Each structure stands twice: as C-alpha cells, then as structure tokens.
Amino acid sequence: LALANTYLASGISAVDTTLTCKNIYFDVSQNIGFPDEGEILIPYWDAVKGWTCERILYGSKNMSSNTLTVATGGRGYGGTTASAISIQTGTYSSSGTVSTVTTSAAHNLTTGMSIYLDHTSGDGFDGAYKVTVTAVDTFTVEYPFSRTASGNVSLLPEVRLRSL
C-alpha cells in the first residue's frame, strides 16, 4: 500500500526535475503524507511496454506550490526508464449518478482500474473513480450523488509514495 498519494497536475518530460501535483501534504501527528525526501511511483501507459511505472527519487517537497523536486539522478530510478508522462483530456456527460467520459485518444484503461478525474469545466465531481470501459476512447464512472452536467475533464496519473 502507498504511504501517501497525489496526482500529477501537469504532464512531465523525461528530463523534468519539478513535478507539479494536486496536493503535497504531510501530517506530522499522523505520520502520513510526503516527507522531505522519498521515493515515488508513477504508473503510466507506454505504447511499447503497456502499463508500466517510473520510480523517482525526490529530494524536497513544497507544500505551498504542491511540487516535488527530483533528486540528482532520481529520474528512472531502480531500473525504470525516465519517461514523458502526459495528462490525457476529454469530455464528460453525466445523468443521474453515471458519468460517461470520452477521451481524445485511446485511454488504455481496463474495467476496474482507478483514475483521477479533474473536471476542468462544468459541474462534475473531482476525484478518483473505478472505471467501466465501454470503448477504446470511452468509459463510465459512478458519481457519489446524482448530477446532470457536462464539460471537459483531465485524467490525472497517480503519484504514490513508495518509501521514505
């Protein structure tokens, strides 16, 4: 299990050393969240390898700007490859508690996987959802409450704290 998790807020190139995330946090009293330095995992889709993961060592965090700064030599750590990881976008339309997401390209998800939806327009609910795949570029999720809405959405890759 991950000790903490967040989501990439913007894509990264294979050489980026600053990772902008949704929420970098640390709760000293509970000992959860992102410590000053650690190792993270970012699962992503690679056209050749399929679903894979990059291990990254970071040397500092900034909770105000929600960034992690990669340690020297920290990209592609532990035999993984430093890779460009992009943010996929699409549209959504919801009626009742079911929201249908259509991506601008193949999403490469399988039913039961979880993805974070960042609704960039409209009145959707941001959060991590289990998907039900209906086509290579379409899937549905179940909202926690009934909502009739539509707009644009970004699919954000998860950032998992692996070790301290």
C-alpha atoms as a PDB file:
ATOM      1  CA  LEU A   1       0.000   0.000   0.000  1.00  0.00           C
ATOM      2  CA  ALA A   2       1.125   3.507  -0.744  1.00  0.00           C
ATOM      3  CA  LEU A   3       2.086   5.611   2.279  1.00  0.00           C
ATOM      4  CA  ALA A   4       0.633   8.667   0.542  1.00  0.00           C
ATOM      5  CA  ASN A   5      -0.695   9.558  -2.867  1.00  0.00           C
ATOM      6  CA  THR A   6      -1.498  12.537  -5.016  1.00  0.00           C
ATOM      7  CA  TYR A   7      -1.918  13.142  -8.749  1.00  0.00           C
ATOM      8  CA  LEU A   8       0.184  14.881 -11.402  1.00  0.00           C
ATOM      9  CA  ALA A   9      -1.406  18.258 -12.142  1.00  0.00           C
ATOM     10  CA  SER A  10       0.603  18.709 -15.337  1.00  0.00           C
ATOM     11  CA  GLY A  11       2.477  16.418 -17.672  1.00  0.00           C
ATOM     12  CA  ILE A  12       6.235  15.897 -17.399  1.00  0.00           C
ATOM     13  CA  SER A  13       9.012  15.345 -19.919  1.00  0.00           C
ATOM     14  CA  ALA A  14      11.685  12.675 -19.476  1.00  0.00           C
ATOM     15  CA  VAL A  15      14.091  15.289 -18.064  1.00  0.00           C
ATOM     16  CA  ASP A  16      11.816  17.421 -15.855  1.00  0.00           C
ATOM     17  CA  THR A  17      13.035  17.830 -12.286  1.00  0.00           C
ATOM     18  CA  THR A  18       9.971  19.537 -10.827  1.00  0.00           C
ATOM     19  CA  LEU A  19       6.717  17.587 -10.530  1.00  0.00           C
ATOM     20  CA  THR A  20       3.581  19.686 -10.048  1.00  0.00           C
ATOM     21  CA  CYS A  21       0.888  17.740  -8.201  1.00  0.00           C
ATOM     22  CA  LYS A  22      -2.676  18.240  -6.928  1.00  0.00           C
ATOM     23  CA  ASN A  23      -1.814  18.103  -3.221  1.00  0.00           C
ATOM     24  CA  ILE A  24       1.526  17.607  -1.460  1.00  0.00           C
ATOM     25  CA  TYR A  25       0.835  17.131   2.240  1.00  0.00           C
ATOM     26  CA  PHE A  26       2.440  15.882   5.443  1.00  0.00           C
ATOM     27  CA  ASP A  27       0.729  15.421   8.791  1.00  0.00           C
ATOM     28  CA  VAL A  28       3.407  15.154  11.484  1.00  0.00           C
ATOM     29  CA  SER A  29       0.967  13.978  14.167  1.00  0.00           C
ATOM     30  CA  GLN A  30      -0.383  11.181  11.978  1.00  0.00           C
ATOM     31  CA  ASN A  31       2.887  10.441  10.126  1.00  0.00           C
ATOM     32  CA  ILE A  32       1.160  10.309   6.768  1.00  0.00           C
ATOM     33  CA  GLY A  33       1.936  12.189   3.598  1.00  0.00           C
ATOM     34  CA  PHE A  34       5.095  13.176   1.790  1.00  0.00           C
ATOM     35  CA  PRO A  35       8.212  13.554   3.966  1.00  0.00           C
ATOM     36  CA  ASP A  36      11.071  15.890   2.998  1.00  0.00           C
ATOM     37  CA  GLU A  37      12.543  13.224   0.702  1.00  0.00           C
ATOM     38  CA  GLY A  38      11.449   9.834  -0.551  1.00  0.00           C
ATOM     39  CA  GLU A  39      10.688   7.567  -3.493  1.00  0.00           C
ATOM     40  CA  ILE A  40       7.552   7.816  -5.612  1.00  0.00           C
ATOM     41  CA  LEU A  41       5.996   5.616  -8.280  1.00  0.00           C
ATOM     42  CA  ILE A  42       4.028   6.966 -11.227  1.00  0.00           C
ATOM     43  CA  PRO A  43       2.147   4.334 -13.267  1.00  0.00           C
ATOM     44  CA  TYR A  44       1.630   5.303 -16.919  1.00  0.00           C
ATOM     45  CA  TRP A  45       0.801   3.823 -20.326  1.00  0.00           C
ATOM     46  CA  ASP A  46       3.703   3.175 -22.708  1.00  0.00           C
ATOM     47  CA  ALA A  47       2.865   2.308 -26.338  1.00  0.00           C
ATOM     48  CA  VAL A  48       5.567  -0.412 -26.405  1.00  0.00           C
ATOM     49  CA  LYS A  49       5.548  -1.792 -22.834  1.00  0.00           C
ATOM     50  CA  GLY A  50       1.859  -1.287 -21.966  1.00  0.00           C
ATOM     51  CA  TRP A  51       1.176  -0.243 -18.363  1.00  0.00           C
ATOM     52  CA  THR A  52       4.468   0.381 -16.611  1.00  0.00           C
ATOM     53  CA  CYS A  53       5.821   2.577 -13.831  1.00  0.00           C
ATOM     54  CA  GLU A  54       8.592   5.099 -13.284  1.00  0.00           C
ATOM     55  CA  ARG A  55      10.363   5.174  -9.925  1.00  0.00           C
ATOM     56  CA  ILE A  56      11.560   8.650  -8.982  1.00  0.00           C
ATOM     57  CA  LEU A  57      13.643   9.777  -6.004  1.00  0.00           C
ATOM     58  CA  TYR A  58      12.754  13.257  -4.804  1.00  0.00           C
ATOM     59  CA  GLY A  59      14.912  15.381  -2.548  1.00  0.00           C
ATOM     60  CA  SER A  60      12.485  18.060  -1.434  1.00  0.00           C
ATOM     61  CA  LYS A  61       8.822  18.987  -1.316  1.00  0.00           C
ATOM     62  CA  ASN A  62       6.974  22.294  -1.348  1.00  0.00           C
ATOM     63  CA  MET A  63       3.503  22.098   0.174  1.00  0.00           C
ATOM     64  CA  SER A  64       2.663  25.699  -0.834  1.00  0.00           C
ATOM     65  CA  SER A  65       3.280  25.173  -4.540  1.00  0.00           C
ATOM     66  CA  ASN A  66       2.399  21.430  -4.445  1.00  0.00           C
ATOM     67  CA  THR A  67       5.684  20.383  -6.042  1.00  0.00           C
ATOM     68  CA  LEU A  68       8.263  17.657  -5.592  1.00  0.00           C
ATOM     69  CA  THR A  69      11.840  18.353  -6.683  1.00  0.00           C
ATOM     70  CA  VAL A  70      13.633  15.351  -8.152  1.00  0.00           C
ATOM     71  CA  ALA A  71      16.919  14.378  -6.506  1.00  0.00           C
ATOM     72  CA  THR A  72      20.090  14.349  -8.624  1.00  0.00           C
ATOM     73  CA  GLY A  73      19.951  11.142 -10.663  1.00  0.00           C
ATOM     74  CA  GLY A  74      16.454  10.488  -9.342  1.00  0.00           C
ATOM     75  CA  ARG A  75      14.574  10.042 -12.640  1.00  0.00           C
ATOM     76  CA  GLY A  76      14.246   6.446 -13.847  1.00  0.00           C
ATOM     77  CA  TYR A  77      15.458   5.085 -10.519  1.00  0.00           C
ATOM     78  CA  GLY A  78      15.737   1.372  -9.767  1.00  0.00           C
ATOM     79  CA  GLY A  79      15.883   0.093 -13.344  1.00  0.00           C
ATOM     80  CA  THR A  80      12.885   2.058 -14.612  1.00  0.00           C
ATOM     81  CA  THR A  81      13.085   4.490 -17.518  1.00  0.00           C
ATOM     82  CA  ALA A  82      12.746   8.259 -17.201  1.00  0.00           C
ATOM     83  CA  SER A  83       9.723   8.938 -19.375  1.00  0.00           C
ATOM     84  CA  ALA A  84       7.425  11.654 -20.585  1.00  0.00           C
ATOM     85  CA  ILE A  85       4.103  11.251 -18.794  1.00  0.00           C
ATOM     86  CA  SER A  86       1.198  13.191 -20.242  1.00  0.00           C
ATOM     87  CA  ILE A  87      -2.188  14.270 -18.985  1.00  0.00           C
ATOM     88  CA  GLN A  88      -4.970  12.878 -21.137  1.00  0.00           C
ATOM     89  CA  THR A  89      -8.044  15.031 -21.740  1.00  0.00           C
ATOM     90  CA  GLY A  90     -11.588  14.510 -22.898  1.00  0.00           C
ATOM     91  CA  THR A  91     -15.197  15.381 -22.274  1.00  0.00           C
ATOM     92  CA  TYR A  92     -17.794  14.057 -19.851  1.00  0.00           C
ATOM     93  CA  SER A  93     -21.550  13.947 -19.686  1.00  0.00           C
ATOM     94  CA  SER A  94     -23.495  12.818 -16.650  1.00  0.00           C
ATOM     95  CA  SER A  95     -27.084  11.973 -15.953  1.00  0.00           C
ATOM     96  CA  GLY A  96     -28.069  10.648 -12.563  1.00  0.00           C
ATOM     97  CA  THR A  97     -25.016   9.093 -10.928  1.00  0.00           C
ATOM     98  CA  VAL A  98     -23.450   7.766 -14.159  1.00  0.00           C
ATOM     99  CA  SER A  99     -20.881   9.902 -15.953  1.00  0.00           C
ATOM    100  CA  THR A 100     -19.609   8.953 -19.405  1.00  0.00           C
ATOM    101  CA  VAL A 101     -16.087  10.110 -20.284  1.00  0.00           C
ATOM    102  CA  THR A 102     -14.881  10.265 -23.885  1.00  0.00           C
ATOM    103  CA  THR A 103     -11.153  10.811 -24.309  1.00  0.00           C
ATOM    104  CA  SER A 104      -9.419  12.492 -27.232  1.00  0.00           C
ATOM    105  CA  ALA A 105      -7.403   9.297 -27.904  1.00  0.00           C
ATOM    106  CA  ALA A 106      -7.402   5.681 -26.674  1.00  0.00           C
ATOM    107  CA  HIS A 107      -7.406   5.768 -22.858  1.00  0.00           C
ATOM    108  CA  ASN A 108      -5.825   2.278 -22.423  1.00  0.00           C
ATOM    109  CA  LEU A 109      -7.746   1.654 -19.192  1.00  0.00           C
ATOM    110  CA  THR A 110      -9.401  -1.642 -18.306  1.00  0.00           C
ATOM    111  CA  THR A 111     -12.581  -2.130 -16.303  1.00  0.00           C
ATOM    112  CA  GLY A 112     -11.870  -1.918 -12.577  1.00  0.00           C
ATOM    113  CA  MET A 113      -8.850   0.389 -12.866  1.00  0.00           C
ATOM    114  CA  SER A 114      -8.940   3.649 -10.971  1.00  0.00           C
ATOM    115  CA  ILE A 115      -8.272   7.080 -12.499  1.00  0.00           C
ATOM    116  CA  TYR A 116      -8.454  10.606 -11.064  1.00  0.00           C
ATOM    117  CA  LEU A 117     -10.870  12.859 -12.942  1.00  0.00           C
ATOM    118  CA  ASP A 118     -10.168  16.583 -12.748  1.00  0.00           C
ATOM    119  CA  HIS A 119     -13.273  18.313 -14.148  1.00  0.00           C
ATOM    120  CA  THR A 120     -11.910  21.459 -15.796  1.00  0.00           C
ATOM    121  CA  SER A 121     -15.335  22.792 -16.815  1.00  0.00           C
ATOM    122  CA  GLY A 122     -18.921  22.035 -15.925  1.00  0.00           C
ATOM    123  CA  ASP A 123     -20.155  20.810 -12.561  1.00  0.00           C
ATOM    124  CA  GLY A 124     -18.652  17.296 -12.190  1.00  0.00           C
ATOM    125  CA  PHE A 125     -17.124  15.805  -9.032  1.00  0.00           C
ATOM    126  CA  ASP A 126     -13.299  15.723  -8.987  1.00  0.00           C
ATOM    127  CA  GLY A 127     -11.891  12.521  -7.535  1.00  0.00           C
ATOM    128  CA  ALA A 128     -10.567   9.011  -8.077  1.00  0.00           C
ATOM    129  CA  TYR A 129     -13.042   6.623  -9.713  1.00  0.00           C
ATOM    130  CA  LYS A 130     -13.148   2.976 -10.763  1.00  0.00           C
ATOM    131  CA  VAL A 131     -13.891   2.820 -14.485  1.00  0.00           C
ATOM    132  CA  THR A 132     -16.129   0.618 -16.585  1.00  0.00           C
ATOM    133  CA  VAL A 133     -14.700   0.570 -20.105  1.00  0.00           C
ATOM    134  CA  THR A 134     -17.254   0.780 -22.925  1.00  0.00           C
ATOM    135  CA  ALA A 135     -14.920   1.541 -25.887  1.00  0.00           C
ATOM    136  CA  VAL A 136     -11.236   2.316 -26.559  1.00  0.00           C
ATOM    137  CA  ASP A 137     -11.949   6.009 -26.012  1.00  0.00           C
ATOM    138  CA  THR A 138     -14.961   5.839 -23.670  1.00  0.00           C
ATOM    139  CA  PHE A 139     -15.639   4.696 -20.110  1.00  0.00           C
ATOM    140  CA  THR A 140     -18.163   5.348 -17.362  1.00  0.00           C
ATOM    141  CA  VAL A 141     -17.783   6.139 -13.673  1.00  0.00           C
ATOM    142  CA  GLU A 142     -20.271   6.287 -10.817  1.00  0.00           C
ATOM    143  CA  TYR A 143     -20.617   9.691  -9.142  1.00  0.00           C
ATOM    144  CA  PRO A 144     -21.358   9.789  -5.395  1.00  0.00           C
ATOM    145  CA  PHE A 145     -24.507  11.872  -5.999  1.00  0.00           C
ATOM    146  CA  SER A 146     -26.888  12.481  -8.852  1.00  0.00           C
ATOM    147  CA  ARG A 147     -25.651  15.179 -11.205  1.00  0.00           C
ATOM    148  CA  THR A 148     -26.665  16.336 -14.674  1.00  0.00           C
ATOM    149  CA  ALA A 149     -23.593  18.044 -16.096  1.00  0.00           C
ATOM    150  CA  SER A 150     -21.161  18.052 -18.978  1.00  0.00           C
ATOM    151  CA  GLY A 151     -17.840  19.632 -19.807  1.00  0.00           C
ATOM    152  CA  ASN A 152     -14.139  18.972 -20.092  1.00  0.00           C
ATOM    153  CA  VAL A 153     -12.102  16.597 -17.957  1.00  0.00           C
ATOM    154  CA  SER A 154      -8.436  15.669 -17.426  1.00  0.00           C
ATOM    155  CA  LEU A 155      -7.294  12.161 -16.436  1.00  0.00           C
ATOM    156  CA  LEU A 156      -4.502  12.646 -13.898  1.00  0.00           C
ATOM    157  CA  PRO A 157      -1.818   9.977 -13.290  1.00  0.00           C
ATOM    158  CA  GLU A 158      -1.406   8.860  -9.682  1.00  0.00           C
ATOM    159  CA  VAL A 159       1.779   9.659  -7.752  1.00  0.00           C
ATOM    160  CA  ARG A 160       2.374   7.080  -4.997  1.00  0.00           C
ATOM    161  CA  LEU A 161       4.860   7.474  -2.163  1.00  0.00           C
ATOM    162  CA  ARG A 162       6.729   4.169  -2.082  1.00  0.00           C
ATOM    163  CA  SER A 163       9.311   4.592   0.646  1.00  0.00           C
ATOM    164  CA  LEU A 164      10.833   7.119   2.986  1.00  0.00           C
END
